[in-house]
Protein backbone atom coordinates (compact mmCIF):
# COMPACT_ATOMS: atom_id res chain seq x y z
CA MET A 1 -23.63 -36.68 -37.22
CA TYR A 2 -22.11 -38.71 -34.41
CA ARG A 3 -18.57 -38.43 -35.75
CA ASN A 4 -18.86 -34.69 -36.27
CA ILE A 5 -20.24 -33.97 -32.80
CA ALA A 6 -17.76 -36.29 -31.12
CA ALA A 7 -14.87 -34.62 -32.92
CA LEU A 8 -16.05 -31.16 -31.92
CA GLY A 9 -16.47 -32.24 -28.32
CA LEU A 10 -12.98 -33.74 -28.20
CA ILE A 11 -11.44 -30.64 -29.71
CA GLY A 12 -13.24 -28.55 -27.09
CA ALA A 13 -11.97 -30.76 -24.30
CA LEU A 14 -8.37 -30.37 -25.45
CA GLY A 15 -8.66 -26.68 -26.25
CA LEU A 16 -10.08 -25.83 -22.86
CA GLY A 17 -7.23 -27.56 -21.09
CA ALA A 18 -9.46 -30.05 -19.31
CA ALA A 19 -7.99 -31.70 -16.25
CA ALA A 20 -8.76 -35.16 -17.52
CA SER A 21 -6.46 -36.48 -20.23
CA ALA A 22 -7.80 -38.23 -23.32
CA ALA A 23 -6.75 -41.54 -21.81
CA GLU A 24 -8.80 -40.89 -18.67
CA CYS A 25 -11.94 -39.93 -20.61
CA THR A 26 -13.86 -43.10 -21.36
CA ASN A 27 -16.87 -41.00 -22.48
CA GLU A 28 -19.00 -44.00 -21.56
CA VAL A 29 -22.34 -42.23 -21.24
CA TRP A 30 -21.78 -39.99 -24.26
CA ASN A 31 -20.88 -42.97 -26.43
CA LYS A 32 -23.87 -44.95 -25.15
CA VAL A 33 -26.27 -42.13 -25.95
CA MET A 34 -24.90 -41.51 -29.41
CA ALA A 35 -24.86 -45.21 -30.28
CA ALA A 36 -28.44 -45.73 -29.07
CA GLY A 37 -29.73 -42.47 -30.52
CA LYS A 38 -31.59 -41.85 -27.28
CA MET A 39 -30.86 -39.84 -24.13
CA SER A 40 -32.70 -39.85 -20.79
CA VAL A 41 -32.88 -36.43 -19.15
CA GLY A 42 -33.90 -35.87 -15.53
CA VAL A 43 -36.32 -32.94 -15.24
CA LYS A 44 -38.75 -31.50 -12.73
CA ALA A 45 -42.44 -32.27 -13.12
CA ASP A 46 -43.69 -30.16 -10.21
CA TYR A 47 -41.83 -26.87 -10.63
CA LYS A 48 -43.94 -24.62 -12.82
CA PRO A 49 -43.03 -23.13 -15.25
CA TRP A 50 -39.60 -24.79 -15.55
CA GLY A 51 -40.97 -28.33 -15.48
CA PHE A 52 -44.57 -29.35 -14.80
CA ARG A 53 -47.45 -31.47 -16.09
CA ASN A 54 -50.05 -29.76 -18.24
CA ASP A 55 -53.74 -30.64 -18.28
CA SER A 56 -52.97 -33.61 -20.53
CA GLY A 57 -50.37 -34.97 -18.13
CA GLU A 58 -47.49 -34.11 -20.46
CA ILE A 59 -44.32 -32.69 -18.87
CA VAL A 60 -43.69 -29.22 -20.27
CA GLY A 61 -41.81 -26.08 -19.29
CA MET A 62 -38.69 -24.03 -19.88
CA GLU A 63 -36.22 -26.74 -18.90
CA ILE A 64 -38.17 -29.30 -20.91
CA ASP A 65 -37.64 -27.14 -23.98
CA MET A 66 -33.95 -26.97 -23.08
CA ALA A 67 -33.71 -30.75 -22.78
CA ARG A 68 -35.40 -31.27 -26.13
CA LYS A 69 -33.13 -28.67 -27.72
CA VAL A 70 -30.06 -30.57 -26.50
CA GLY A 71 -31.45 -33.72 -28.09
CA GLU A 72 -32.10 -31.82 -31.31
CA ILE A 73 -28.53 -30.55 -31.40
CA MET A 74 -27.12 -34.01 -30.72
CA GLY A 75 -29.50 -35.67 -33.13
CA VAL A 76 -30.93 -38.06 -30.53
CA GLU A 77 -34.35 -38.79 -29.07
CA VAL A 78 -35.03 -37.43 -25.58
CA GLU A 79 -36.74 -39.42 -22.85
CA LEU A 80 -37.93 -37.26 -19.96
CA VAL A 81 -37.51 -38.73 -16.48
CA PRO A 82 -39.24 -36.89 -13.58
CA VAL A 83 -36.90 -36.26 -10.65
CA GLN A 84 -37.12 -34.61 -7.25
CA SER A 85 -34.65 -32.35 -5.46
CA SER A 86 -33.98 -35.24 -3.10
CA ASN A 87 -33.06 -37.81 -5.78
CA ARG A 88 -31.92 -35.98 -8.93
CA MET A 89 -28.18 -36.34 -8.25
CA GLN A 90 -28.59 -39.97 -7.22
CA PHE A 91 -30.43 -40.72 -10.47
CA LEU A 92 -27.45 -39.38 -12.41
CA GLU A 93 -24.94 -41.23 -10.22
CA GLN A 94 -26.83 -44.51 -10.62
CA GLY A 95 -27.16 -44.19 -14.39
CA LYS A 96 -30.95 -43.83 -14.33
CA ILE A 97 -30.53 -40.66 -16.37
CA ASP A 98 -27.80 -39.45 -18.73
CA LEU A 99 -28.24 -35.70 -18.23
CA MET A 100 -29.96 -33.62 -15.58
CA ILE A 101 -31.62 -30.24 -16.11
CA ALA A 102 -33.70 -29.85 -12.96
CA THR A 103 -33.55 -26.42 -11.30
CA MET A 104 -30.41 -27.39 -9.36
CA SER A 105 -28.32 -24.72 -7.69
CA ASP A 106 -24.60 -25.02 -8.40
CA ARG A 107 -22.87 -25.65 -5.06
CA ALA A 108 -19.42 -26.88 -4.08
CA ASP A 109 -20.71 -29.99 -2.33
CA ARG A 110 -22.77 -30.97 -5.37
CA ARG A 111 -19.76 -30.68 -7.67
CA LYS A 112 -18.24 -33.61 -5.78
CA ILE A 113 -21.20 -35.79 -6.78
CA VAL A 114 -22.14 -34.76 -10.32
CA GLY A 115 -20.40 -32.91 -13.12
CA ILE A 116 -21.64 -29.32 -13.42
CA PRO A 117 -20.16 -27.71 -16.53
CA GLY A 118 -20.22 -23.93 -16.78
CA PRO A 119 -21.32 -21.36 -17.63
CA ASN A 120 -24.40 -21.58 -15.41
CA TYR A 121 -27.65 -21.08 -17.30
CA TYR A 122 -29.86 -19.43 -14.67
CA THR A 123 -30.01 -18.10 -11.13
CA SER A 124 -32.46 -17.57 -8.27
CA GLY A 125 -32.58 -16.51 -4.63
CA THR A 126 -34.38 -17.64 -1.49
CA ASN A 127 -37.62 -16.02 -0.38
CA VAL A 128 -41.00 -16.95 1.07
CA MET A 129 -44.62 -16.86 0.02
CA ALA A 130 -46.84 -15.83 2.91
CA PRO A 131 -50.41 -14.62 3.47
CA LYS A 132 -50.68 -10.87 3.02
CA ALA A 133 -52.72 -10.73 6.22
CA LEU A 134 -49.70 -11.71 8.32
CA GLY A 135 -47.81 -8.60 7.26
CA PHE A 136 -44.28 -10.00 7.28
CA THR A 137 -41.66 -7.42 6.28
CA GLU A 138 -38.33 -9.00 7.30
CA TRP A 139 -36.86 -12.45 7.85
CA GLU A 140 -36.76 -11.98 11.64
CA ASP A 141 -40.57 -11.93 11.62
CA LEU A 142 -40.41 -15.69 10.96
CA ARG A 143 -38.32 -16.56 14.01
CA GLY A 144 -39.75 -19.46 16.00
CA LYS A 145 -42.58 -20.00 13.52
CA PRO A 146 -43.37 -23.08 11.36
CA VAL A 147 -42.36 -22.61 7.73
CA CYS A 148 -43.19 -25.08 4.97
CA GLY A 149 -40.31 -26.31 2.84
CA LYS A 150 -39.37 -28.81 0.14
CA GLN A 151 -37.37 -31.89 1.12
CA GLY A 152 -33.80 -31.72 -0.21
CA ALA A 153 -33.70 -27.92 -0.63
CA PHE A 154 -30.36 -26.59 0.67
CA TYR A 155 -31.86 -23.37 2.03
CA ASN A 156 -34.02 -25.22 4.59
CA LYS A 157 -31.02 -25.62 6.89
CA ILE A 158 -29.80 -22.08 6.20
CA VAL A 159 -33.03 -20.36 7.24
CA GLU A 160 -33.37 -22.69 10.22
CA GLU A 161 -29.94 -21.75 11.53
CA ARG A 162 -30.05 -18.09 10.51
CA TYR A 163 -33.57 -17.20 11.63
CA GLY A 164 -34.63 -20.00 13.97
CA VAL A 165 -37.64 -21.06 11.93
CA GLN A 166 -39.19 -24.51 12.27
CA ILE A 167 -39.05 -26.13 8.83
CA VAL A 168 -41.94 -28.46 8.02
CA ALA A 169 -40.62 -30.35 4.97
CA PHE A 170 -42.77 -31.98 2.29
CA THR A 171 -41.81 -34.24 -0.61
CA GLY A 172 -43.44 -32.06 -3.26
CA ASN A 173 -44.18 -28.40 -3.89
CA ALA A 174 -47.90 -29.01 -4.24
CA GLU A 175 -48.05 -30.57 -0.79
CA ALA A 176 -46.05 -27.73 0.74
CA LYS A 177 -48.26 -25.04 -0.78
CA GLN A 178 -51.43 -26.87 0.24
CA ALA A 179 -50.08 -27.04 3.79
CA LEU A 180 -49.60 -23.26 3.62
CA ARG A 181 -53.22 -22.85 2.52
CA ASP A 182 -54.30 -25.15 5.36
CA LYS A 183 -52.40 -22.89 7.81
CA LYS A 184 -50.02 -25.64 8.91
CA CYS A 185 -47.25 -23.08 8.46
CA VAL A 186 -47.02 -19.30 8.19
CA ALA A 187 -44.97 -19.24 5.00
CA TRP A 188 -43.44 -21.38 2.26
CA VAL A 189 -39.70 -20.99 1.69
CA TYR A 190 -38.48 -21.61 -1.84
CA ASP A 191 -36.80 -20.08 -4.91
CA ASP A 192 -37.99 -16.54 -5.58
CA SER A 193 -38.29 -17.36 -9.28
CA SER A 194 -40.89 -20.04 -8.66
CA ILE A 195 -42.75 -18.01 -6.05
CA GLY A 196 -42.95 -15.07 -8.45
CA SER A 197 -44.50 -17.30 -11.10
CA ASP A 198 -47.05 -18.65 -8.62
CA LEU A 199 -48.05 -15.15 -7.56
CA ALA A 200 -48.43 -14.11 -11.19
CA SER A 201 -50.68 -17.08 -11.96
CA GLY A 202 -53.71 -15.55 -10.25
CA ASN A 203 -54.10 -18.53 -7.92
CA TYR A 204 -52.49 -16.85 -4.94
CA ASP A 205 -54.07 -13.41 -4.77
CA ASP A 206 -54.11 -13.43 -0.97
CA TYR A 207 -50.38 -14.15 -0.77
CA GLU A 208 -47.20 -12.17 -1.32
CA MET A 209 -43.41 -12.46 -1.46
CA PRO A 210 -42.69 -9.82 1.18
CA LEU A 211 -39.02 -10.29 2.01
CA VAL A 212 -35.72 -9.35 0.40
CA SER A 213 -34.35 -12.41 -1.44
CA GLU A 214 -31.16 -13.88 -0.02
CA ASP A 215 -28.42 -16.30 -1.07
CA ASP A 216 -28.65 -15.81 -4.81
CA ASN A 217 -27.42 -19.02 -6.45
CA PRO A 218 -26.70 -19.91 -10.07
CA TRP A 219 -28.33 -23.02 -11.53
CA GLY A 220 -26.32 -25.78 -13.15
CA LEU A 221 -27.24 -28.69 -15.37
CA ALA A 222 -25.27 -31.87 -14.76
CA VAL A 223 -23.58 -34.74 -16.55
CA PRO A 224 -21.97 -37.77 -14.88
CA LEU A 225 -19.02 -36.61 -12.76
CA ALA A 226 -16.52 -38.70 -14.75
CA GLU A 227 -17.54 -36.92 -17.97
CA LYS A 228 -17.51 -33.33 -16.74
CA ASP A 229 -14.12 -32.58 -18.32
CA CYS A 230 -14.61 -34.89 -21.29
CA ILE A 231 -16.73 -34.75 -24.45
CA PHE A 232 -20.13 -34.60 -22.73
CA GLY A 233 -19.19 -31.90 -20.22
CA ASN A 234 -17.44 -29.70 -22.75
CA PHE A 235 -20.26 -30.15 -25.24
CA MET A 236 -22.79 -28.96 -22.65
CA SER A 237 -20.54 -26.02 -21.78
CA GLY A 238 -20.69 -24.94 -25.39
CA VAL A 239 -24.45 -25.40 -25.54
CA GLN A 240 -25.00 -23.22 -22.48
CA TYR A 241 -22.61 -20.56 -23.73
CA ASN A 242 -24.52 -20.33 -27.01
CA TRP A 243 -27.86 -20.16 -25.22
CA LEU A 244 -26.64 -17.27 -23.08
CA ALA A 245 -25.02 -15.44 -25.98
CA ASN A 246 -27.84 -15.73 -28.52
CA GLY A 247 -30.71 -14.99 -26.13
CA TYR A 248 -32.39 -18.38 -26.45
CA LEU A 249 -33.07 -18.59 -22.71
CA ILE A 250 -34.53 -15.09 -22.72
CA GLU A 251 -36.93 -16.27 -25.42
CA LEU A 252 -37.91 -19.22 -23.24
CA GLU A 253 -38.55 -16.91 -20.27
CA GLU A 254 -40.96 -14.93 -22.42
CA LYS A 255 -42.61 -18.08 -23.80
CA TRP A 256 -43.32 -19.46 -20.32
CA GLY A 257 -44.36 -16.17 -18.73
CA ILE A 258 -41.34 -15.93 -16.44
CA LYS A 259 -40.40 -12.53 -15.10
CA PRO A 260 -37.27 -11.39 -17.01
CA THR A 261 -34.07 -11.83 -15.03
CA ASN A 262 -31.10 -9.48 -14.99
CA PHE A 263 -28.86 -12.56 -14.99
CA LEU A 264 -29.82 -13.57 -18.54
CA GLN A 265 -29.77 -10.04 -19.90
CA ASN A 266 -26.33 -9.40 -18.40
CA ALA A 267 -25.06 -12.73 -19.74
CA LYS A 268 -26.24 -11.91 -23.26
CA GLU A 269 -24.40 -8.59 -23.13
CA ARG A 270 -21.28 -10.17 -21.63
CA PHE A 271 -21.04 -12.91 -24.22
CA ALA A 272 -22.08 -10.77 -27.19
CA ASP A 273 -19.85 -10.64 -30.27
CA TRP A 274 -17.98 -7.36 -29.87
CA LEU A 275 -17.66 -7.04 -33.67
CA ALA A 276 -21.34 -7.57 -34.35
CA GLU A 277 -23.31 -4.50 -35.39
């Protein structure tokens, strides 16, 4: 199994014209994982339904299924490691995890820190959850007001500078949403995908997502930066391509009750086999 996967990964690296030459690719993490038969994957444990703890304390969700599927394809055991937005890249840099699938937006500054192989597997925009009673209709309605946010989220600074809001940052989503309930802020700024899932859960009937989403960003999983253009990075590129082409991620959206996204439907059509009937 190891020899076959390694050979396919190396062929992919050469065929795609990777910037790194074979001599520069040590494939250290890939080789370690395959030799040990075990891979640690950084995932969210507080971002329902992509990664969260169920009533039994087990981490489950769409990205958890993705992580386990990668392990299945590679033929290795998967160890889930909970990460936060504020430490997920550092965990990968420091070798605390081998792979990261943790709701991370693909941004130029992040590509300098971790390896983000394409094609991106998901996308989301920025919006807010706010009490219906406040009647917000546009972003300018938030100017000068306290808005709860998640530490490490890139859009905190954007909405501060663009709309003059006062971000009150919390380490976890649960704390931020509780602060919203406690009226410590007028809204909670976050990914529209997650907000939509919260609103559909029935636990936030007095709240709404009233604004037009902005700054749509694709999500990227990550491997160590040094292995982005080597076996590991090219292997994960192929995995994501297959998931987009065969509709696997659409199936996971349905499984976890996520509102269907145009991104995945468009990707399936774009990557479809043009000769298939």
